[in-house]
C-alpha cells in the first residue's frame, strides 16, 4: 500500500468522522427543536386547562353579584371590585393583562366572600351558599391548574435558557413564557373573618 493508499485511507476516515459529526449535530438540533415544540404545546395545553376553570369562575360571578346585591346592597365597593376585575380580565388583549385581571378577580372574590360573613341573611341564603361552594371548588381547581401551568412553563423556560438548546430556541424564536403568579401582595395575606 503506498503513501497514496495511506493518504486515501486517512481522507476516507476524516470524511467519515466529519459526516458522523454533522449527522450528530443535525440529530441534536432536531431533537432539541422537537423537545421545545413539545414543551410549548404542553404549556399551551396547561393554559387551556386553566382557562376552562377561569371561565367557569367567570360565569359564576354575575350570579354571585346578583345574590349579594339583594342581601347586602350597601357593600357596593366590594361588588364593584369584582365587576371591575371581571371586565379587566374579559377585555385583556395579552396574557400578562389577562393574568393580572384574573388575580384581581381572585382578590376581589375573597374580599366579597369575607364581607359576606357580616350578613346573616346572606349566609342563610341557600343560593349564596351554593354559589360560594361552587366558587371555592373552582378556586381549588384554578390553584391546581395554575401549579401545573407554572410547572410546564418552568420546564419550557429552562429549556429555552440553557445551553445548547438556547441556540435552537433563539433560531426558531421560542420565547420565555410568563408564570401565572400572585401579583397582589394583599392576596398573599390572610383574610380576617370576624364573627
N, C-alpha and C. Protein backbone atom coordinates (compact mmCIF):
# COMPACT_ATOMS: atom_id res chain seq x y z
N UNK A 1 0.83 -1.16 0.00
CA UNK A 1 0.00 0.00 0.00
C UNK A 1 0.88 1.23 0.00
N UNK A 2 1.05 1.96 -0.71
CA UNK A 2 1.98 3.06 -0.70
C UNK A 2 1.45 4.26 0.07
N UNK A 3 2.17 5.30 -0.15
CA UNK A 3 1.84 6.55 0.54
C UNK A 3 0.47 7.06 0.13
N UNK A 4 0.13 6.80 -1.17
CA UNK A 4 -1.20 7.25 -1.64
C UNK A 4 -2.32 6.45 -0.99
N UNK A 5 -2.11 5.19 -0.73
CA UNK A 5 -3.10 4.35 -0.08
C UNK A 5 -3.34 4.79 1.36
N UNK A 6 -2.26 5.16 2.04
CA UNK A 6 -2.38 5.63 3.42
C UNK A 6 -3.07 6.97 3.47
N UNK A 7 -2.74 7.87 2.55
CA UNK A 7 -3.39 9.19 2.49
C UNK A 7 -4.86 9.02 2.15
N UNK A 8 -5.19 8.16 1.19
CA UNK A 8 -6.58 7.93 0.80
C UNK A 8 -7.38 7.36 1.96
N UNK A 9 -6.78 6.43 2.70
CA UNK A 9 -7.45 5.86 3.87
C UNK A 9 -7.67 6.95 4.92
N UNK A 10 -6.68 7.79 5.11
CA UNK A 10 -6.79 8.89 6.07
C UNK A 10 -7.89 9.87 5.67
N UNK A 11 -7.98 10.16 4.37
CA UNK A 11 -9.01 11.08 3.88
C UNK A 11 -10.40 10.46 4.07
N UNK A 12 -10.54 9.19 3.76
CA UNK A 12 -11.82 8.50 3.93
C UNK A 12 -12.24 8.50 5.40
N UNK A 13 -11.30 8.21 6.29
CA UNK A 13 -11.58 8.21 7.72
C UNK A 13 -11.99 9.62 8.16
N UNK A 14 -11.29 10.65 7.67
CA UNK A 14 -11.62 12.04 8.02
C UNK A 14 -13.01 12.41 7.51
N UNK A 15 -13.34 11.98 6.30
CA UNK A 15 -14.66 12.26 5.74
C UNK A 15 -15.73 11.56 6.57
N UNK A 16 -15.49 10.33 6.95
CA UNK A 16 -16.46 9.59 7.77
C UNK A 16 -16.65 10.28 9.11
N UNK A 17 -15.57 10.74 9.74
CA UNK A 17 -15.66 11.44 11.02
C UNK A 17 -16.46 12.73 10.86
N UNK A 18 -16.19 13.49 9.79
CA UNK A 18 -16.92 14.74 9.55
C UNK A 18 -18.40 14.45 9.32
N UNK A 19 -18.71 13.44 8.53
CA UNK A 19 -20.10 13.09 8.27
C UNK A 19 -20.80 12.69 9.57
N UNK A 20 -20.14 11.87 10.39
CA UNK A 20 -20.72 11.45 11.66
C UNK A 20 -20.97 12.65 12.57
N UNK A 21 -19.99 13.57 12.64
CA UNK A 21 -20.15 14.76 13.47
C UNK A 21 -21.32 15.62 12.96
N UNK A 22 -21.42 15.80 11.65
CA UNK A 22 -22.51 16.59 11.06
C UNK A 22 -23.86 15.92 11.35
N UNK A 23 -23.94 14.60 11.21
CA UNK A 23 -25.18 13.88 11.49
C UNK A 23 -25.55 14.02 12.97
N UNK A 24 -24.57 13.90 13.86
CA UNK A 24 -24.84 14.05 15.30
C UNK A 24 -25.35 15.46 15.60
N UNK A 25 -24.76 16.47 15.00
CA UNK A 25 -25.20 17.86 15.21
C UNK A 25 -26.62 18.04 14.69
N UNK A 26 -26.90 17.54 13.50
CA UNK A 26 -28.25 17.67 12.92
C UNK A 26 -29.28 16.94 13.78
N UNK A 27 -28.96 15.74 14.21
CA UNK A 27 -29.88 14.98 15.06
C UNK A 27 -30.10 15.71 16.39
N UNK A 28 -29.04 16.27 16.94
CA UNK A 28 -29.17 17.03 18.20
C UNK A 28 -30.07 18.25 18.01
N UNK A 29 -29.88 18.99 16.93
CA UNK A 29 -30.72 20.17 16.67
C UNK A 29 -32.18 19.77 16.49
N UNK A 30 -32.42 18.72 15.72
CA UNK A 30 -33.79 18.26 15.50
C UNK A 30 -34.40 17.81 16.82
N UNK A 31 -33.64 17.09 17.61
CA UNK A 31 -34.12 16.62 18.91
C UNK A 31 -34.45 17.80 19.84
N UNK A 32 -33.57 18.81 19.89
CA UNK A 32 -33.83 19.99 20.73
C UNK A 32 -35.05 20.76 20.23
N UNK A 33 -35.17 20.91 18.91
CA UNK A 33 -36.32 21.60 18.34
C UNK A 33 -37.62 20.87 18.71
N UNK A 34 -37.62 19.55 18.53
CA UNK A 34 -38.82 18.77 18.86
C UNK A 34 -39.16 18.86 20.34
N UNK A 35 -38.15 18.84 21.20
CA UNK A 35 -38.39 18.96 22.64
C UNK A 35 -39.00 20.32 22.97
N UNK A 36 -38.52 21.37 22.33
CA UNK A 36 -39.07 22.71 22.55
C UNK A 36 -40.52 22.80 22.06
N UNK A 37 -40.81 22.21 20.92
CA UNK A 37 -42.18 22.20 20.39
C UNK A 37 -43.10 21.45 21.36
N UNK A 38 -42.66 20.29 21.84
CA UNK A 38 -43.48 19.52 22.78
C UNK A 38 -43.74 20.31 24.06
N UNK A 39 -42.71 20.97 24.58
CA UNK A 39 -42.88 21.77 25.80
C UNK A 39 -43.80 22.97 25.55
N UNK A 40 -43.64 23.62 24.42
CA UNK A 40 -44.53 24.75 24.10
C UNK A 40 -45.98 24.29 24.01
N UNK A 41 -46.21 23.15 23.39
CA UNK A 41 -47.57 22.62 23.29
C UNK A 41 -48.11 22.23 24.66
N UNK A 42 -47.25 21.71 25.51
CA UNK A 42 -47.68 21.37 26.88
C UNK A 42 -48.06 22.62 27.65
N UNK A 43 -47.29 23.70 27.48
CA UNK A 43 -47.62 24.97 28.14
C UNK A 43 -48.96 25.48 27.64
N UNK A 44 -49.19 25.43 26.34
CA UNK A 44 -50.46 25.90 25.78
C UNK A 44 -51.63 25.04 26.26
N UNK A 45 -51.41 23.74 26.36
CA UNK A 45 -52.46 22.84 26.86
C UNK A 45 -52.74 23.13 28.33
N UNK A 46 -51.70 23.38 29.11
CA UNK A 46 -51.87 23.70 30.53
C UNK A 46 -52.64 25.00 30.71
N UNK A 47 -52.33 25.99 29.87
CA UNK A 47 -53.07 27.26 29.96
C UNK A 47 -54.53 27.05 29.56
N UNK A 48 -54.77 26.25 28.55
CA UNK A 48 -56.14 25.98 28.12
C UNK A 48 -56.94 25.29 29.22
N UNK A 49 -56.31 24.36 29.92
CA UNK A 49 -56.98 23.69 31.03
C UNK A 49 -57.33 24.70 32.12
N UNK A 50 -56.37 25.55 32.46
CA UNK A 50 -56.62 26.57 33.47
C UNK A 50 -57.70 27.53 32.99
N UNK A 51 -57.69 27.83 31.72
CA UNK A 51 -58.66 28.76 31.15
C UNK A 51 -60.09 28.24 31.29
N UNK A 52 -60.27 26.93 31.22
CA UNK A 52 -61.59 26.34 31.41
C UNK A 52 -62.12 26.67 32.81
N UNK A 53 -61.26 26.52 33.82
CA UNK A 53 -61.67 26.81 35.19
C UNK A 53 -61.86 28.31 35.40
N UNK A 54 -61.02 29.12 34.76
CA UNK A 54 -61.18 30.57 34.88
C UNK A 54 -62.52 31.00 34.27
N UNK A 55 -62.89 30.39 33.14
CA UNK A 55 -64.17 30.71 32.52
C UNK A 55 -65.33 30.27 33.39
N UNK A 56 -65.18 29.11 34.02
CA UNK A 56 -66.22 28.62 34.92
C UNK A 56 -66.44 29.63 36.06
N UNK A 57 -65.34 30.14 36.62
CA UNK A 57 -65.44 31.14 37.68
C UNK A 57 -66.06 32.41 37.12
N UNK A 58 -65.63 32.78 35.95
CA UNK A 58 -66.13 33.96 35.25
C UNK A 58 -67.66 33.91 35.13
N UNK A 59 -68.17 32.73 34.79
CA UNK A 59 -69.61 32.55 34.61
C UNK A 59 -70.38 32.58 35.93
N UNK A 60 -69.72 32.23 37.04
CA UNK A 60 -70.38 32.24 38.34
C UNK A 60 -70.49 33.65 38.93
N UNK A 61 -69.62 34.55 38.51
CA UNK A 61 -69.55 35.89 39.12
C UNK A 61 -70.86 36.67 39.00
N UNK A 62 -71.50 36.75 37.83
CA UNK A 62 -72.76 37.52 37.77
C UNK A 62 -73.83 37.00 38.74
N UNK A 63 -73.92 35.68 38.88
CA UNK A 63 -74.90 35.11 39.81
C UNK A 63 -74.56 35.48 41.25
N UNK A 64 -73.28 35.42 41.59
CA UNK A 64 -72.86 35.79 42.93
C UNK A 64 -73.14 37.26 43.21
N UNK A 65 -72.80 38.11 42.26
CA UNK A 65 -73.01 39.55 42.43
C UNK A 65 -74.49 39.84 42.63
N UNK A 66 -75.35 39.23 41.83
CA UNK A 66 -76.80 39.46 41.97
C UNK A 66 -77.32 38.98 43.32
N UNK A 67 -76.82 37.85 43.76
CA UNK A 67 -77.26 37.31 45.05
C UNK A 67 -76.83 38.22 46.19
N UNK A 68 -75.59 38.69 46.15
CA UNK A 68 -75.08 39.57 47.20
C UNK A 68 -75.79 40.93 47.13
N UNK A 69 -76.04 41.41 45.93
CA UNK A 69 -76.72 42.69 45.74
C UNK A 69 -78.05 42.74 46.49
N UNK A 70 -78.78 41.66 46.41
CA UNK A 70 -80.08 41.61 47.06
C UNK A 70 -80.00 41.61 48.58
N UNK A 71 -78.98 40.99 49.14
CA UNK A 71 -78.90 40.85 50.59
C UNK A 71 -77.97 41.87 51.25
N UNK A 72 -77.00 42.37 50.53
CA UNK A 72 -76.02 43.29 51.12
C UNK A 72 -75.75 44.42 50.13
N UNK A 73 -76.79 45.14 49.79
CA UNK A 73 -76.71 46.17 48.75
C UNK A 73 -75.71 47.26 49.09
N UNK A 74 -75.51 47.56 50.37
CA UNK A 74 -74.59 48.63 50.71
C UNK A 74 -73.12 48.21 50.67
N UNK A 75 -72.83 47.00 50.25
CA UNK A 75 -71.45 46.56 50.03
C UNK A 75 -71.07 46.82 48.57
N UNK A 76 -71.46 47.97 48.10
CA UNK A 76 -71.26 48.36 46.71
C UNK A 76 -69.79 48.31 46.30
N UNK A 77 -68.88 48.75 47.15
CA UNK A 77 -67.47 48.78 46.81
C UNK A 77 -66.93 47.37 46.52
N UNK A 78 -67.29 46.41 47.35
CA UNK A 78 -66.85 45.02 47.13
C UNK A 78 -67.41 44.47 45.83
N UNK A 79 -68.68 44.77 45.56
CA UNK A 79 -69.30 44.31 44.31
C UNK A 79 -68.64 44.95 43.10
N UNK A 80 -68.36 46.24 43.20
CA UNK A 80 -67.74 46.95 42.07
C UNK A 80 -66.34 46.42 41.78
N UNK A 81 -65.60 46.05 42.82
CA UNK A 81 -64.26 45.48 42.62
C UNK A 81 -64.33 44.18 41.83
N UNK A 82 -65.31 43.35 42.18
CA UNK A 82 -65.48 42.07 41.47
C UNK A 82 -65.83 42.32 40.01
N UNK A 83 -66.76 43.22 39.78
CA UNK A 83 -67.19 43.53 38.40
C UNK A 83 -66.06 44.16 37.60
N UNK A 84 -65.33 45.09 38.20
CA UNK A 84 -64.20 45.75 37.54
C UNK A 84 -63.13 44.72 37.15
N UNK A 85 -62.81 43.83 38.09
CA UNK A 85 -61.80 42.81 37.81
C UNK A 85 -62.26 41.88 36.69
N UNK A 86 -63.52 41.50 36.71
CA UNK A 86 -64.06 40.62 35.65
C UNK A 86 -63.97 41.31 34.29
N UNK A 87 -64.33 42.58 34.25
CA UNK A 87 -64.27 43.32 32.99
C UNK A 87 -62.84 43.46 32.49
N UNK A 88 -61.88 43.68 33.42
CA UNK A 88 -60.48 43.79 33.02
C UNK A 88 -59.98 42.49 32.39
N UNK A 89 -60.30 41.38 33.04
CA UNK A 89 -59.87 40.09 32.52
C UNK A 89 -60.54 39.79 31.18
N UNK A 90 -61.80 40.17 31.07
CA UNK A 90 -62.55 39.90 29.84
C UNK A 90 -62.02 40.70 28.66
N UNK A 91 -61.56 41.92 28.91
CA UNK A 91 -61.10 42.77 27.82
C UNK A 91 -59.60 42.66 27.56
N UNK A 92 -58.91 41.78 28.26
CA UNK A 92 -57.46 41.63 28.10
C UNK A 92 -57.10 41.21 26.68
N UNK A 93 -56.05 41.84 26.17
CA UNK A 93 -55.60 41.52 24.82
C UNK A 93 -54.32 40.69 24.83
N UNK A 94 -53.65 40.60 25.97
CA UNK A 94 -52.44 39.78 26.07
C UNK A 94 -52.48 38.96 27.35
N UNK A 95 -51.60 38.00 27.44
CA UNK A 95 -51.65 37.06 28.55
C UNK A 95 -51.30 37.73 29.88
N UNK A 96 -50.37 38.68 29.87
CA UNK A 96 -50.00 39.35 31.12
C UNK A 96 -51.17 40.14 31.70
N UNK A 97 -51.90 40.88 30.86
CA UNK A 97 -53.07 41.63 31.31
C UNK A 97 -54.15 40.68 31.79
N UNK A 98 -54.31 39.58 31.09
CA UNK A 98 -55.31 38.58 31.49
C UNK A 98 -54.98 38.02 32.86
N UNK A 99 -53.71 37.70 33.08
CA UNK A 99 -53.29 37.16 34.37
C UNK A 99 -53.50 38.19 35.49
N UNK A 100 -53.21 39.44 35.20
CA UNK A 100 -53.42 40.50 36.20
C UNK A 100 -54.91 40.62 36.53
N UNK A 101 -55.75 40.56 35.51
CA UNK A 101 -57.20 40.62 35.73
C UNK A 101 -57.71 39.43 36.54
N UNK A 102 -57.19 38.25 36.24
CA UNK A 102 -57.61 37.06 36.98
C UNK A 102 -57.17 37.14 38.44
N UNK A 103 -55.97 37.69 38.68
CA UNK A 103 -55.52 37.89 40.06
C UNK A 103 -56.42 38.87 40.78
N UNK A 104 -56.85 39.92 40.07
CA UNK A 104 -57.76 40.89 40.68
C UNK A 104 -59.10 40.22 41.02
N UNK A 105 -59.57 39.34 40.15
CA UNK A 105 -60.83 38.63 40.42
C UNK A 105 -60.68 37.80 41.69
N UNK A 106 -59.59 37.07 41.80
CA UNK A 106 -59.36 36.24 42.98
C UNK A 106 -59.38 37.08 44.25
N UNK A 107 -58.66 38.20 44.23
CA UNK A 107 -58.61 39.09 45.40
C UNK A 107 -59.98 39.67 45.71
N UNK A 108 -60.67 40.14 44.67
CA UNK A 108 -61.99 40.75 44.88
C UNK A 108 -63.00 39.73 45.39
N UNK A 109 -62.96 38.51 44.86
CA UNK A 109 -63.88 37.47 45.34
C UNK A 109 -63.62 37.11 46.79
N UNK A 110 -62.35 37.01 47.15
CA UNK A 110 -62.02 36.71 48.54
C UNK A 110 -62.54 37.81 49.46
N UNK A 111 -62.38 39.05 49.04
CA UNK A 111 -62.89 40.17 49.83
C UNK A 111 -64.40 40.13 49.95
N UNK A 112 -65.07 39.84 48.85
CA UNK A 112 -66.54 39.79 48.84
C UNK A 112 -67.05 38.65 49.72
N UNK A 113 -66.41 37.49 49.62
CA UNK A 113 -66.84 36.36 50.44
C UNK A 113 -66.54 36.61 51.92
N UNK A 114 -65.46 37.32 52.22
CA UNK A 114 -65.16 37.66 53.61
C UNK A 114 -66.17 38.66 54.15
N UNK A 115 -66.56 39.64 53.35
CA UNK A 115 -67.55 40.63 53.76
C UNK A 115 -68.90 39.96 54.02
N UNK A 116 -69.20 38.92 53.27
CA UNK A 116 -70.49 38.25 53.42
C UNK A 116 -70.68 37.66 54.82
N UNK A 117 -69.59 37.44 55.53
CA UNK A 117 -69.68 36.91 56.89
C UNK A 117 -70.45 37.86 57.80
N UNK A 118 -70.50 39.15 57.47
CA UNK A 118 -71.18 40.14 58.29
C UNK A 118 -72.69 40.18 58.06
N UNK A 119 -73.21 39.36 57.15
CA UNK A 119 -74.63 39.40 56.81
C UNK A 119 -75.28 38.03 57.01
N UNK A 120 -75.92 37.86 58.19
CA UNK A 120 -76.55 36.56 58.47
C UNK A 120 -77.61 36.17 57.45
N UNK A 121 -78.35 37.16 56.93
CA UNK A 121 -79.38 36.84 55.94
C UNK A 121 -78.75 36.32 54.65
N UNK A 122 -77.56 36.79 54.34
CA UNK A 122 -76.85 36.31 53.16
C UNK A 122 -76.33 34.89 53.42
N UNK A 123 -75.81 34.67 54.60
CA UNK A 123 -75.30 33.34 54.96
C UNK A 123 -76.43 32.31 54.99
N UNK A 124 -77.65 32.78 55.25
CA UNK A 124 -78.80 31.88 55.29
C UNK A 124 -79.38 31.63 53.90
N UNK A 125 -78.96 32.41 52.93
CA UNK A 125 -79.46 32.29 51.56
C UNK A 125 -78.87 31.03 50.92
N UNK A 126 -79.74 30.10 50.58
CA UNK A 126 -79.31 28.82 50.01
C UNK A 126 -78.58 29.02 48.69
N UNK A 127 -79.06 29.95 47.89
CA UNK A 127 -78.43 30.26 46.61
C UNK A 127 -76.99 30.74 46.82
N UNK A 128 -76.81 31.64 47.78
CA UNK A 128 -75.48 32.17 48.07
C UNK A 128 -74.54 31.06 48.54
N UNK A 129 -75.04 30.21 49.42
CA UNK A 129 -74.20 29.12 49.94
C UNK A 129 -73.78 28.17 48.82
N UNK A 130 -74.70 27.90 47.89
CA UNK A 130 -74.38 27.02 46.77
C UNK A 130 -73.32 27.69 45.87
N UNK A 131 -73.52 28.98 45.59
CA UNK A 131 -72.55 29.71 44.76
C UNK A 131 -71.19 29.78 45.44
N UNK A 132 -71.18 30.01 46.75
CA UNK A 132 -69.92 30.09 47.48
C UNK A 132 -69.19 28.76 47.40
N UNK A 133 -69.90 27.66 47.54
CA UNK A 133 -69.26 26.34 47.44
C UNK A 133 -68.72 26.12 46.03
N UNK A 134 -69.49 26.48 45.02
CA UNK A 134 -69.03 26.32 43.64
C UNK A 134 -67.78 27.15 43.39
N UNK A 135 -67.79 28.38 43.88
CA UNK A 135 -66.62 29.24 43.68
C UNK A 135 -65.41 28.69 44.42
N UNK A 136 -65.60 28.19 45.63
CA UNK A 136 -64.48 27.59 46.36
C UNK A 136 -63.93 26.38 45.62
N UNK A 137 -64.82 25.55 45.07
CA UNK A 137 -64.37 24.39 44.30
C UNK A 137 -63.60 24.81 43.05
N UNK A 138 -64.12 25.82 42.36
CA UNK A 138 -63.45 26.31 41.16
C UNK A 138 -62.10 26.93 41.52
N UNK A 139 -62.05 27.66 42.63
CA UNK A 139 -60.78 28.25 43.07
C UNK A 139 -59.74 27.17 43.33
N UNK A 140 -60.16 26.04 43.92
CA UNK A 140 -59.24 24.92 44.14
C UNK A 140 -58.75 24.36 42.80
N UNK A 141 -59.68 24.23 41.85
CA UNK A 141 -59.30 23.74 40.52
C UNK A 141 -58.34 24.70 39.83
N UNK A 142 -58.59 26.01 39.98
CA UNK A 142 -57.71 27.02 39.39
C UNK A 142 -56.32 26.93 40.02
N UNK A 143 -56.28 26.78 41.34
CA UNK A 143 -54.98 26.68 42.02
C UNK A 143 -54.19 25.46 41.52
N UNK A 144 -54.87 24.34 41.37
CA UNK A 144 -54.19 23.13 40.87
C UNK A 144 -53.73 23.30 39.44
N UNK A 145 -54.59 23.87 38.60
CA UNK A 145 -54.20 24.04 37.19
C UNK A 145 -53.12 25.12 37.06
N UNK A 146 -53.13 26.10 37.95
CA UNK A 146 -52.08 27.13 37.94
C UNK A 146 -50.73 26.50 38.29
N UNK A 147 -50.73 25.59 39.27
CA UNK A 147 -49.48 24.89 39.63
C UNK A 147 -48.96 24.09 38.44
N UNK A 148 -49.86 23.37 37.76
CA UNK A 148 -49.47 22.58 36.60
C UNK A 148 -48.93 23.48 35.49
N UNK A 149 -49.65 24.57 35.21
CA UNK A 149 -49.22 25.52 34.19
C UNK A 149 -47.83 26.06 34.53
N UNK A 150 -47.65 26.52 35.75
CA UNK A 150 -46.35 27.09 36.14
C UNK A 150 -45.24 26.06 36.06
N UNK A 151 -45.54 24.80 36.37
CA UNK A 151 -44.54 23.74 36.25
C UNK A 151 -44.11 23.52 34.81
N UNK A 152 -45.08 23.53 33.90
CA UNK A 152 -44.73 23.35 32.48
C UNK A 152 -44.00 24.57 31.94
N UNK A 153 -44.38 25.76 32.40
CA UNK A 153 -43.67 26.98 31.97
C UNK A 153 -42.23 26.95 32.47
N UNK A 154 -42.04 26.50 33.72
CA UNK A 154 -40.69 26.42 34.27
C UNK A 154 -39.82 25.49 33.41
N UNK A 155 -40.35 24.34 33.04
CA UNK A 155 -39.59 23.41 32.19
C UNK A 155 -39.28 24.04 30.83
N UNK A 156 -40.27 24.67 30.23
CA UNK A 156 -40.08 25.31 28.93
C UNK A 156 -39.04 26.42 29.02
N UNK A 157 -39.19 27.30 30.01
CA UNK A 157 -38.25 28.42 30.15
C UNK A 157 -36.83 27.93 30.42
N UNK A 158 -36.70 26.89 31.22
CA UNK A 158 -35.37 26.33 31.50
C UNK A 158 -34.74 25.80 30.21
N UNK A 159 -35.56 25.13 29.41
CA UNK A 159 -35.05 24.57 28.14
C UNK A 159 -34.63 25.69 27.17
N UNK A 160 -35.40 26.80 27.16
CA UNK A 160 -35.06 27.88 26.23
C UNK A 160 -33.88 28.72 26.70
N UNK A 161 -33.50 28.57 27.97
CA UNK A 161 -32.43 29.41 28.51
C UNK A 161 -31.14 28.65 28.81
N UNK A 162 -31.13 27.35 28.59
CA UNK A 162 -29.92 26.58 28.88
C UNK A 162 -29.22 26.16 27.58
N UNK A 163 -27.92 26.05 27.70
CA UNK A 163 -27.09 25.67 26.56
C UNK A 163 -27.17 24.17 26.39
N UNK A 164 -27.23 23.64 25.24
CA UNK A 164 -27.17 24.22 23.90
C UNK A 164 -28.54 24.52 23.30
N UNK A 165 -29.63 24.14 24.01
CA UNK A 165 -30.96 24.33 23.42
C UNK A 165 -31.32 25.80 23.26
N UNK A 166 -30.64 26.70 23.98
CA UNK A 166 -30.93 28.12 23.80
C UNK A 166 -30.57 28.59 22.40
N UNK A 167 -29.64 27.92 21.74
CA UNK A 167 -29.28 28.26 20.36
C UNK A 167 -30.46 27.95 19.43
N UNK A 168 -31.02 26.77 19.60
CA UNK A 168 -32.17 26.37 18.78
C UNK A 168 -33.36 27.26 19.11
N UNK A 169 -33.57 27.54 20.39
CA UNK A 169 -34.68 28.40 20.81
C UNK A 169 -34.56 29.78 20.19
N UNK A 170 -33.37 30.32 20.16
CA UNK A 170 -33.15 31.63 19.55
C UNK A 170 -33.35 31.60 18.05
N UNK A 171 -32.89 30.54 17.40
CA UNK A 171 -33.02 30.44 15.95
C UNK A 171 -34.48 30.36 15.52
N UNK A 172 -35.30 29.68 16.31
CA UNK A 172 -36.70 29.46 15.94
C UNK A 172 -37.67 30.31 16.77
N UNK A 173 -37.14 31.29 17.45
CA UNK A 173 -37.92 32.28 18.21
C UNK A 173 -38.86 31.66 19.26
N UNK A 174 -38.35 30.73 20.01
CA UNK A 174 -39.07 30.24 21.17
C UNK A 174 -38.78 31.23 22.29
N UNK A 175 -39.80 31.94 22.74
CA UNK A 175 -39.59 32.97 23.76
C UNK A 175 -40.09 32.49 25.12
N UNK A 176 -39.49 33.03 26.14
CA UNK A 176 -39.84 32.70 27.52
C UNK A 176 -41.32 33.00 27.76
N UNK A 177 -41.99 32.10 28.46
CA UNK A 177 -43.42 32.24 28.79
C UNK A 177 -43.55 32.81 30.20
N UNK A 178 -44.61 33.60 30.45
CA UNK A 178 -44.80 34.16 31.79
C UNK A 178 -45.41 33.14 32.74
N UNK A 179 -44.96 33.19 33.98
CA UNK A 179 -45.58 32.38 35.03
C UNK A 179 -46.88 33.05 35.46
N UNK A 180 -47.81 32.28 35.94
CA UNK A 180 -49.07 32.81 36.44
C UNK A 180 -48.90 32.94 37.95
N UNK A 181 -48.38 34.08 38.39
CA UNK A 181 -48.06 34.29 39.79
C UNK A 181 -49.07 35.20 40.45
N UNK A 182 -49.07 35.15 41.76
CA UNK A 182 -49.89 36.06 42.55
C UNK A 182 -49.18 37.41 42.51
N UNK A 183 -49.85 38.39 41.89
CA UNK A 183 -49.23 39.70 41.72
C UNK A 183 -49.54 40.64 42.86
N UNK A 184 -50.67 40.47 43.49
CA UNK A 184 -51.13 41.39 44.51
C UNK A 184 -50.64 40.93 45.88
N UNK A 185 -49.89 41.79 46.57
CA UNK A 185 -49.38 41.41 47.88
C UNK A 185 -50.51 41.24 48.89
N UNK A 186 -51.62 41.92 48.68
CA UNK A 186 -52.75 41.76 49.59
C UNK A 186 -53.29 40.34 49.52
N UNK A 187 -53.18 39.70 48.37
CA UNK A 187 -53.67 38.34 48.22
C UNK A 187 -52.81 37.36 49.01
N UNK A 188 -51.57 37.72 49.26
CA UNK A 188 -50.67 36.84 50.00
C UNK A 188 -50.97 36.86 51.50
N UNK A 189 -51.72 37.83 51.94
CA UNK A 189 -52.04 37.94 53.35
C UNK A 189 -53.30 37.14 53.66
N UNK A 190 -53.42 36.73 54.92
CA UNK A 190 -54.62 36.01 55.35
C UNK A 190 -55.78 36.99 55.42
N UNK A 191 -56.96 36.51 55.06
CA UNK A 191 -58.16 37.32 55.15
C UNK A 191 -58.69 37.20 56.58
N UNK A 192 -59.02 38.33 57.17
CA UNK A 192 -59.57 38.32 58.52
C UNK A 192 -61.08 38.16 58.42
N UNK A 193 -61.58 37.11 59.03
CA UNK A 193 -63.01 36.86 59.06
C UNK A 193 -63.47 37.05 60.51
N UNK A 194 -64.42 37.94 60.69
CA UNK A 194 -64.92 38.22 62.02
C UNK A 194 -66.34 37.69 62.15
N UNK A 195 -66.59 37.07 63.30
CA UNK A 195 -67.94 36.56 63.55
C UNK A 195 -68.62 37.41 64.60
